[in-house]
Amino acid sequence: IVNYSSTPDDFPCDLKAVGRYVDIEVEDESAI
C-alpha cells in the first residue's frame, strides 16, 4: 500500500479530492 502525503491537484475543475491518496499493488494478481 503506497500512502502519499497529500491528494493530487490534477483532478478536473468539477471534481475535488479528499482524504488519503493511495496506490495498492499486488505482487501476484493471479492469487486474488
PDB file of all heavy atoms in Angstrom:
ATOM      1  N   ILE A   1       0.870  -1.178   0.000  1.00  0.00           N
ATOM      2  CA  ILE A   1       0.000   0.000   0.000  1.00  0.00           C
ATOM      3  C   ILE A   1       0.908   1.230   0.000  1.00  0.00           C
ATOM      4  O   ILE A   1       1.666   1.445   0.940  1.00  0.00           O
ATOM      5  CB  ILE A   1      -0.919   0.016   1.225  1.00  0.00           C
ATOM      6  CG1 ILE A   1      -1.765  -1.259   1.266  1.00  0.00           C
ATOM      7  CG2 ILE A   1      -1.812   1.258   1.212  1.00  0.00           C
ATOM      8  CD1 ILE A   1      -2.509  -1.452   2.564  1.00  0.00           C
ATOM      9  N   VAL A   2       0.861   1.983  -1.071  1.00  0.00           N
ATOM     10  CA  VAL A   2       1.666   3.197  -1.178  1.00  0.00           C
ATOM     11  C   VAL A   2       0.812   4.364  -0.695  1.00  0.00           C
ATOM     12  O   VAL A   2      -0.215   4.685  -1.289  1.00  0.00           O
ATOM     13  CB  VAL A   2       2.130   3.435  -2.632  1.00  0.00           C
ATOM     14  CG1 VAL A   2       3.044   4.652  -2.703  1.00  0.00           C
ATOM     15  CG2 VAL A   2       2.845   2.200  -3.173  1.00  0.00           C
ATOM     16  N   ASN A   3       1.224   4.969   0.391  1.00  0.00           N
ATOM     17  CA  ASN A   3       0.481   6.058   1.015  1.00  0.00           C
ATOM     18  C   ASN A   3       1.170   7.383   0.693  1.00  0.00           C
ATOM     19  O   ASN A   3       2.320   7.597   1.051  1.00  0.00           O
ATOM     20  CB  ASN A   3       0.432   5.849   2.531  1.00  0.00           C
ATOM     21  CG  ASN A   3      -0.270   6.979   3.243  1.00  0.00           C
ATOM     22  OD1 ASN A   3      -1.220   7.543   2.727  1.00  0.00           O
ATOM     23  ND2 ASN A   3       0.208   7.310   4.433  1.00  0.00           N
ATOM     24  N   TYR A   4       0.462   8.276   0.009  1.00  0.00           N
ATOM     25  CA  TYR A   4       1.035   9.566  -0.379  1.00  0.00           C
ATOM     26  C   TYR A   4       0.706  10.638   0.651  1.00  0.00           C
ATOM     27  O   TYR A   4      -0.314  10.562   1.342  1.00  0.00           O
ATOM     28  CB  TYR A   4       0.532   9.965  -1.756  1.00  0.00           C
ATOM     29  CG  TYR A   4       1.085   9.075  -2.853  1.00  0.00           C
ATOM     30  CD1 TYR A   4       0.457   7.875  -3.165  1.00  0.00           C
ATOM     31  CD2 TYR A   4       2.236   9.410  -3.539  1.00  0.00           C
ATOM     32  CE1 TYR A   4       0.972   7.033  -4.142  1.00  0.00           C
ATOM     33  CE2 TYR A   4       2.753   8.579  -4.517  1.00  0.00           C
ATOM     34  CZ  TYR A   4       2.114   7.388  -4.819  1.00  0.00           C
ATOM     35  OH  TYR A   4       2.622   6.565  -5.785  1.00  0.00           O
ATOM     36  N   SER A   5       1.559  11.628   0.735  1.00  0.00           N
ATOM     37  CA  SER A   5       1.448  12.635   1.789  1.00  0.00           C
ATOM     38  C   SER A   5       0.293  13.603   1.578  1.00  0.00           C
ATOM     39  O   SER A   5      -0.112  14.299   2.500  1.00  0.00           O
ATOM     40  CB  SER A   5       2.762  13.427   1.889  1.00  0.00           C
ATOM     41  OG  SER A   5       3.051  14.065   0.654  1.00  0.00           O
ATOM     42  N   SER A   6      -0.238  13.678   0.376  1.00  0.00           N
ATOM     43  CA  SER A   6      -1.400  14.533   0.129  1.00  0.00           C
ATOM     44  C   SER A   6      -2.106  14.051  -1.130  1.00  0.00           C
ATOM     45  O   SER A   6      -1.591  13.199  -1.854  1.00  0.00           O
ATOM     46  CB  SER A   6      -0.981  16.007  -0.034  1.00  0.00           C
ATOM     47  OG  SER A   6      -0.130  16.175  -1.149  1.00  0.00           O
ATOM     48  N   THR A   7      -3.278  14.603  -1.372  1.00  0.00           N
ATOM     49  CA  THR A   7      -4.025  14.213  -2.562  1.00  0.00           C
ATOM     50  C   THR A   7      -3.508  14.983  -3.776  1.00  0.00           C
ATOM     51  O   THR A   7      -2.960  16.077  -3.645  1.00  0.00           O
ATOM     52  CB  THR A   7      -5.527  14.490  -2.380  1.00  0.00           C
ATOM     53  OG1 THR A   7      -5.692  15.844  -1.960  1.00  0.00           O
ATOM     54  CG2 THR A   7      -6.122  13.560  -1.349  1.00  0.00           C
ATOM     55  N   PRO A   8      -3.685  14.432  -4.970  1.00  0.00           N
ATOM     56  CA  PRO A   8      -3.188  15.109  -6.179  1.00  0.00           C
ATOM     57  C   PRO A   8      -3.989  16.364  -6.476  1.00  0.00           C
ATOM     58  O   PRO A   8      -5.149  16.483  -6.108  1.00  0.00           O
ATOM     59  CB  PRO A   8      -3.389  14.056  -7.278  1.00  0.00           C
ATOM     60  CG  PRO A   8      -4.485  13.194  -6.767  1.00  0.00           C
ATOM     61  CD  PRO A   8      -4.336  13.150  -5.273  1.00  0.00           C
ATOM     62  N   ASP A   9      -3.372  17.322  -7.195  1.00  0.00           N
ATOM     63  CA  ASP A   9      -4.068  18.565  -7.520  1.00  0.00           C
ATOM     64  C   ASP A   9      -4.481  18.607  -8.979  1.00  0.00           C
ATOM     65  O   ASP A   9      -4.860  19.656  -9.489  1.00  0.00           O
ATOM     66  CB  ASP A   9      -3.196  19.779  -7.185  1.00  0.00           C
ATOM     67  CG  ASP A   9      -1.947  19.869  -8.061  1.00  0.00           C
ATOM     68  OD1 ASP A   9      -1.658  18.891  -8.770  1.00  0.00           O
ATOM     69  OD2 ASP A   9      -1.291  20.925  -8.044  1.00  0.00           O
ATOM     70  N   ASP A  10      -4.417  17.448  -9.664  1.00  0.00           N
ATOM     71  CA  ASP A  10      -4.775  17.440 -11.079  1.00  0.00           C
ATOM     72  C   ASP A  10      -6.156  16.850 -11.322  1.00  0.00           C
ATOM     73  O   ASP A  10      -6.448  16.375 -12.411  1.00  0.00           O
ATOM     74  CB  ASP A  10      -3.721  16.702 -11.904  1.00  0.00           C
ATOM     75  CG  ASP A  10      -3.484  15.272 -11.421  1.00  0.00           C
ATOM     76  OD1 ASP A  10      -4.104  14.878 -10.420  1.00  0.00           O
ATOM     77  OD2 ASP A  10      -2.676  14.565 -12.054  1.00  0.00           O
ATOM     78  N   PHE A  11      -7.018  16.853 -10.282  1.00  0.00           N
ATOM     79  CA  PHE A  11      -8.413  16.500 -10.510  1.00  0.00           C
ATOM     80  C   PHE A  11      -9.026  17.541 -11.448  1.00  0.00           C
ATOM     81  O   PHE A  11      -8.655  18.718 -11.415  1.00  0.00           O
ATOM     82  CB  PHE A  11      -9.185  16.499  -9.188  1.00  0.00           C
ATOM     83  CG  PHE A  11      -9.298  15.142  -8.545  1.00  0.00           C
ATOM     84  CD1 PHE A  11      -8.203  14.310  -8.448  1.00  0.00           C
ATOM     85  CD2 PHE A  11     -10.510  14.705  -8.042  1.00  0.00           C
ATOM     86  CE1 PHE A  11      -8.304  13.062  -7.857  1.00  0.00           C
ATOM     87  CE2 PHE A  11     -10.628  13.457  -7.447  1.00  0.00           C
ATOM     88  CZ  PHE A  11      -9.519  12.631  -7.351  1.00  0.00           C
ATOM     89  N   PRO A  12      -9.986  17.169 -12.298  1.00  0.00           N
ATOM     90  CA  PRO A  12     -10.670  18.161 -13.138  1.00  0.00           C
ATOM     91  C   PRO A  12     -11.314  19.238 -12.274  1.00  0.00           C
ATOM     92  O   PRO A  12     -11.581  19.034 -11.091  1.00  0.00           O
ATOM     93  CB  PRO A  12     -11.734  17.330 -13.869  1.00  0.00           C
ATOM     94  CG  PRO A  12     -11.236  15.921 -13.804  1.00  0.00           C
ATOM     95  CD  PRO A  12     -10.487  15.802 -12.520  1.00  0.00           C
ATOM     96  N   CYS A  13     -11.608  20.373 -12.894  1.00  0.00           N
ATOM     97  CA  CYS A  13     -12.111  21.517 -12.127  1.00  0.00           C
ATOM     98  C   CYS A  13     -13.466  21.248 -11.489  1.00  0.00           C
ATOM     99  O   CYS A  13     -13.853  21.912 -10.527  1.00  0.00           O
ATOM    100  CB  CYS A  13     -12.184  22.759 -13.011  1.00  0.00           C
ATOM    101  SG  CYS A  13     -13.265  22.582 -14.454  1.00  0.00           S
ATOM    102  N   ASP A  14     -14.227  20.264 -12.031  1.00  0.00           N
ATOM    103  CA  ASP A  14     -15.545  19.983 -11.465  1.00  0.00           C
ATOM    104  C   ASP A  14     -15.507  18.868 -10.429  1.00  0.00           C
ATOM    105  O   ASP A  14     -16.549  18.447  -9.928  1.00  0.00           O
ATOM    106  CB  ASP A  14     -16.544  19.636 -12.569  1.00  0.00           C
ATOM    107  CG  ASP A  14     -16.046  18.535 -13.489  1.00  0.00           C
ATOM    108  OD1 ASP A  14     -14.896  18.089 -13.302  1.00  0.00           O
ATOM    109  OD2 ASP A  14     -16.797  18.125 -14.388  1.00  0.00           O
ATOM    110  N   LEU A  15     -14.309  18.367 -10.099  1.00  0.00           N
ATOM    111  CA  LEU A  15     -14.139  17.341  -9.073  1.00  0.00           C
ATOM    112  C   LEU A  15     -13.100  17.819  -8.069  1.00  0.00           C
ATOM    113  O   LEU A  15     -12.300  18.713  -8.353  1.00  0.00           O
ATOM    114  CB  LEU A  15     -13.674  16.017  -9.693  1.00  0.00           C
ATOM    115  CG  LEU A  15     -14.565  15.397 -10.771  1.00  0.00           C
ATOM    116  CD1 LEU A  15     -13.894  14.156 -11.350  1.00  0.00           C
ATOM    117  CD2 LEU A  15     -15.929  15.045 -10.216  1.00  0.00           C
ATOM    118  N   LYS A  16     -13.103  17.185  -6.889  1.00  0.00           N
ATOM    119  CA  LYS A  16     -12.120  17.557  -5.875  1.00  0.00           C
ATOM    120  C   LYS A  16     -11.775  16.346  -5.032  1.00  0.00           C
ATOM    121  O   LYS A  16     -12.658  15.584  -4.648  1.00  0.00           O
ATOM    122  CB  LYS A  16     -12.648  18.686  -5.003  1.00  0.00           C
ATOM    123  CG  LYS A  16     -11.554  19.380  -4.192  1.00  0.00           C
ATOM    124  CD  LYS A  16     -12.042  20.696  -3.634  1.00  0.00           C
ATOM    125  CE  LYS A  16     -10.901  21.471  -2.994  1.00  0.00           C
ATOM    126  NZ  LYS A  16     -11.351  22.782  -2.472  1.00  0.00           N
ATOM    127  N   ALA A  17     -10.475  16.171  -4.762  1.00  0.00           N
ATOM    128  CA  ALA A  17     -10.011  15.043  -3.966  1.00  0.00           C
ATOM    129  C   ALA A  17     -10.178  15.336  -2.477  1.00  0.00           C
ATOM    130  O   ALA A  17     -10.136  16.476  -2.042  1.00  0.00           O
ATOM    131  CB  ALA A  17      -8.545  14.744  -4.276  1.00  0.00           C
ATOM    132  N   VAL A  18     -10.353  14.255  -1.696  1.00  0.00           N
ATOM    133  CA  VAL A  18     -10.497  14.403  -0.255  1.00  0.00           C
ATOM    134  C   VAL A  18      -9.817  13.224   0.425  1.00  0.00           C
ATOM    135  O   VAL A  18      -9.814  12.104  -0.088  1.00  0.00           O
ATOM    136  CB  VAL A  18     -11.986  14.467   0.157  1.00  0.00           C
ATOM    137  CG1 VAL A  18     -12.705  13.174  -0.179  1.00  0.00           C
ATOM    138  CG2 VAL A  18     -12.153  14.792   1.642  1.00  0.00           C
ATOM    139  N   GLY A  19      -9.219  13.480   1.602  1.00  0.00           N
ATOM    140  CA  GLY A  19      -8.640  12.397   2.385  1.00  0.00           C
ATOM    141  C   GLY A  19      -7.334  11.869   1.804  1.00  0.00           C
ATOM    142  O   GLY A  19      -6.589  12.583   1.140  1.00  0.00           O
ATOM    143  N   ARG A  20      -7.087  10.588   2.045  1.00  0.00           N
ATOM    144  CA  ARG A  20      -5.836   9.971   1.640  1.00  0.00           C
ATOM    145  C   ARG A  20      -5.832   9.641   0.147  1.00  0.00           C
ATOM    146  O   ARG A  20      -6.865   9.457  -0.483  1.00  0.00           O
ATOM    147  CB  ARG A  20      -5.610   8.673   2.432  1.00  0.00           C
ATOM    148  CG  ARG A  20      -5.564   8.851   3.926  1.00  0.00           C
ATOM    149  CD  ARG A  20      -4.376   9.677   4.379  1.00  0.00           C
ATOM    150  NE  ARG A  20      -4.277   9.721   5.825  1.00  0.00           N
ATOM    151  CZ  ARG A  20      -3.508   8.897   6.539  1.00  0.00           C
ATOM    152  NH1 ARG A  20      -2.791   7.973   5.946  1.00  0.00           N
ATOM    153  NH2 ARG A  20      -3.474   8.999   7.851  1.00  0.00           N
ATOM    154  N   TYR A  21      -4.601   9.554  -0.371  1.00  0.00           N
ATOM    155  CA  TYR A  21      -4.380   9.145  -1.746  1.00  0.00           C
ATOM    156  C   TYR A  21      -3.453   7.944  -1.701  1.00  0.00           C
ATOM    157  O   TYR A  21      -2.337   8.020  -1.181  1.00  0.00           O
ATOM    158  CB  TYR A  21      -3.774  10.299  -2.538  1.00  0.00           C
ATOM    159  CG  TYR A  21      -3.160   9.890  -3.840  1.00  0.00           C
ATOM    160  CD1 TYR A  21      -3.917   9.218  -4.799  1.00  0.00           C
ATOM    161  CD2 TYR A  21      -1.840  10.166  -4.119  1.00  0.00           C
ATOM    162  CE1 TYR A  21      -3.350   8.831  -5.992  1.00  0.00           C
ATOM    163  CE2 TYR A  21      -1.264   9.785  -5.305  1.00  0.00           C
ATOM    164  CZ  TYR A  21      -2.027   9.125  -6.232  1.00  0.00           C
ATOM    165  OH  TYR A  21      -1.462   8.736  -7.408  1.00  0.00           O
ATOM    166  N   VAL A  22      -3.904   6.806  -2.195  1.00  0.00           N
ATOM    167  CA  VAL A  22      -3.137   5.570  -2.062  1.00  0.00           C
ATOM    168  C   VAL A  22      -3.031   4.845  -3.397  1.00  0.00           C
ATOM    169  O   VAL A  22      -3.816   5.064  -4.321  1.00  0.00           O
ATOM    170  CB  VAL A  22      -3.782   4.615  -1.020  1.00  0.00           C
ATOM    171  CG1 VAL A  22      -3.816   5.241   0.349  1.00  0.00           C
ATOM    172  CG2 VAL A  22      -5.177   4.188  -1.458  1.00  0.00           C
ATOM    173  N   ASP A  23      -2.036   3.975  -3.460  1.00  0.00           N
ATOM    174  CA  ASP A  23      -1.861   3.070  -4.589  1.00  0.00           C
ATOM    175  C   ASP A  23      -1.655   1.678  -4.000  1.00  0.00           C
ATOM    176  O   ASP A  23      -0.778   1.482  -3.152  1.00  0.00           O
ATOM    177  CB  ASP A  23      -0.651   3.497  -5.429  1.00  0.00           C
ATOM    178  CG  ASP A  23      -0.541   2.712  -6.726  1.00  0.00           C
ATOM    179  OD1 ASP A  23      -1.485   1.961  -7.043  1.00  0.00           O
ATOM    180  OD2 ASP A  23       0.473   2.861  -7.422  1.00  0.00           O
ATOM    181  N   ILE A  24      -2.473   0.718  -4.411  1.00  0.00           N
ATOM    182  CA  ILE A  24      -2.393  -0.648  -3.886  1.00  0.00           C
ATOM    183  C   ILE A  24      -1.800  -1.543  -4.966  1.00  0.00           C
ATOM    184  O   ILE A  24      -2.328  -1.615  -6.077  1.00  0.00           O
ATOM    185  CB  ILE A  24      -3.782  -1.148  -3.459  1.00  0.00           C
ATOM    186  CG1 ILE A  24      -4.356  -0.218  -2.385  1.00  0.00           C
ATOM    187  CG2 ILE A  24      -3.702  -2.581  -2.930  1.00  0.00           C
ATOM    188  CD1 ILE A  24      -5.823  -0.464  -2.089  1.00  0.00           C
ATOM    189  N   GLU A  25      -0.714  -2.213  -4.639  1.00  0.00           N
ATOM    190  CA  GLU A  25      -0.018  -3.056  -5.606  1.00  0.00           C
ATOM    191  C   GLU A  25       0.023  -4.496  -5.095  1.00  0.00           C
ATOM    192  O   GLU A  25       0.341  -4.738  -3.933  1.00  0.00           O
ATOM    193  CB  GLU A  25       1.401  -2.541  -5.831  1.00  0.00           C
ATOM    194  CG  GLU A  25       1.450  -1.089  -6.328  1.00  0.00           C
ATOM    195  CD  GLU A  25       2.858  -0.520  -6.319  1.00  0.00           C
ATOM    196  OE1 GLU A  25       3.775  -1.217  -5.820  1.00  0.00           O
ATOM    197  OE2 GLU A  25       3.046   0.612  -6.799  1.00  0.00           O
ATOM    198  N   VAL A  26      -0.315  -5.436  -5.969  1.00  0.00           N
ATOM    199  CA  VAL A  26      -0.314  -6.854  -5.633  1.00  0.00           C
ATOM    200  C   VAL A  26       0.814  -7.541  -6.392  1.00  0.00           C
ATOM    201  O   VAL A  26       0.922  -7.404  -7.606  1.00  0.00           O
ATOM    202  CB  VAL A  26      -1.668  -7.516  -5.982  1.00  0.00           C
ATOM    203  CG1 VAL A  26      -1.642  -8.997  -5.622  1.00  0.00           C
ATOM    204  CG2 VAL A  26      -2.807  -6.814  -5.268  1.00  0.00           C
ATOM    205  N   GLU A  27       1.649  -8.268  -5.668  1.00  0.00           N
ATOM    206  CA  GLU A  27       2.793  -8.931  -6.299  1.00  0.00           C
ATOM    207  C   GLU A  27       2.339  -9.975  -7.325  1.00  0.00           C
ATOM    208  O   GLU A  27       2.890 -10.055  -8.423  1.00  0.00           O
ATOM    209  CB  GLU A  27       3.655  -9.592  -5.221  1.00  0.00           C
ATOM    210  CG  GLU A  27       4.930 -10.231  -5.750  1.00  0.00           C
ATOM    211  CD  GLU A  27       5.774 -10.797  -4.622  1.00  0.00           C
ATOM    212  OE1 GLU A  27       5.309 -11.754  -3.960  1.00  0.00           O
ATOM    213  OE2 GLU A  27       6.879 -10.274  -4.402  1.00  0.00           O
ATOM    214  N   ASP A  28       1.333 -10.764  -6.987  1.00  0.00           N
ATOM    215  CA  ASP A  28       0.823 -11.799  -7.894  1.00  0.00           C
ATOM    216  C   ASP A  28      -0.697 -11.650  -7.979  1.00  0.00           C
ATOM    217  O   ASP A  28      -1.426 -12.165  -7.143  1.00  0.00           O
ATOM    218  CB  ASP A  28       1.204 -13.194  -7.388  1.00  0.00           C
ATOM    219  CG  ASP A  28       0.681 -14.301  -8.293  1.00  0.00           C
ATOM    220  OD1 ASP A  28       0.214 -13.996  -9.413  1.00  0.00           O
ATOM    221  OD2 ASP A  28       0.751 -15.481  -7.875  1.00  0.00           O
ATOM    222  N   GLU A  29      -1.178 -10.927  -9.009  1.00  0.00           N
ATOM    223  CA  GLU A  29      -2.612 -10.673  -9.114  1.00  0.00           C
ATOM    224  C   GLU A  29      -3.415 -11.934  -9.411  1.00  0.00           C
ATOM    225  O   GLU A  29      -4.619 -11.982  -9.165  1.00  0.00           O
ATOM    226  CB  GLU A  29      -2.880  -9.606 -10.182  1.00  0.00           C
ATOM    227  CG  GLU A  29      -2.398  -8.218  -9.776  1.00  0.00           C
ATOM    228  CD  GLU A  29      -3.064  -7.122 -10.575  1.00  0.00           C
ATOM    229  OE1 GLU A  29      -3.966  -7.425 -11.383  1.00  0.00           O
ATOM    230  OE2 GLU A  29      -2.691  -5.945 -10.384  1.00  0.00           O
ATOM    231  N   SER A  30      -2.755 -12.979  -9.923  1.00  0.00           N
ATOM    232  CA  SER A  30      -3.475 -14.232 -10.185  1.00  0.00           C
ATOM    233  C   SER A  30      -3.878 -14.928  -8.886  1.00  0.00           C
ATOM    234  O   SER A  30      -4.724 -15.830  -8.895  1.00  0.00           O
ATOM    235  CB  SER A  30      -2.610 -15.169 -11.026  1.00  0.00           C
ATOM    236  OG  SER A  30      -1.466 -15.604 -10.296  1.00  0.00           O
ATOM    237  N   ALA A  31      -3.270 -14.524  -7.767  1.00  0.00           N
ATOM    238  CA  ALA A  31      -3.625 -15.100  -6.467  1.00  0.00           C
ATOM    239  C   ALA A  31      -4.890 -14.478  -5.891  1.00  0.00           C
ATOM    240  O   ALA A  31      -5.446 -14.998  -4.922  1.00  0.00           O
ATOM    241  CB  ALA A  31      -2.472 -14.917  -5.487  1.00  0.00           C
ATOM    242  N   ILE A  32      -5.366 -13.378  -6.480  1.00  0.00           N
ATOM    243  CA  ILE A  32      -6.530 -12.667  -5.957  1.00  0.00           C
ATOM    244  C   ILE A  32      -7.804 -13.187  -6.604  1.00  0.00           C
ATOM    245  O   ILE A  32      -7.885 -13.343  -7.825  1.00  0.00           O
ATOM    246  CB  ILE A  32      -6.400 -11.153  -6.214  1.00  0.00           C
ATOM    247  CG1 ILE A  32      -5.105 -10.621  -5.572  1.00  0.00           C
ATOM    248  CG2 ILE A  32      -7.610 -10.416  -5.664  1.00  0.00           C
ATOM    249  CD1 ILE A  32      -5.007 -10.817  -4.093  1.00  0.00           C
TER     250      ILE A  32
END
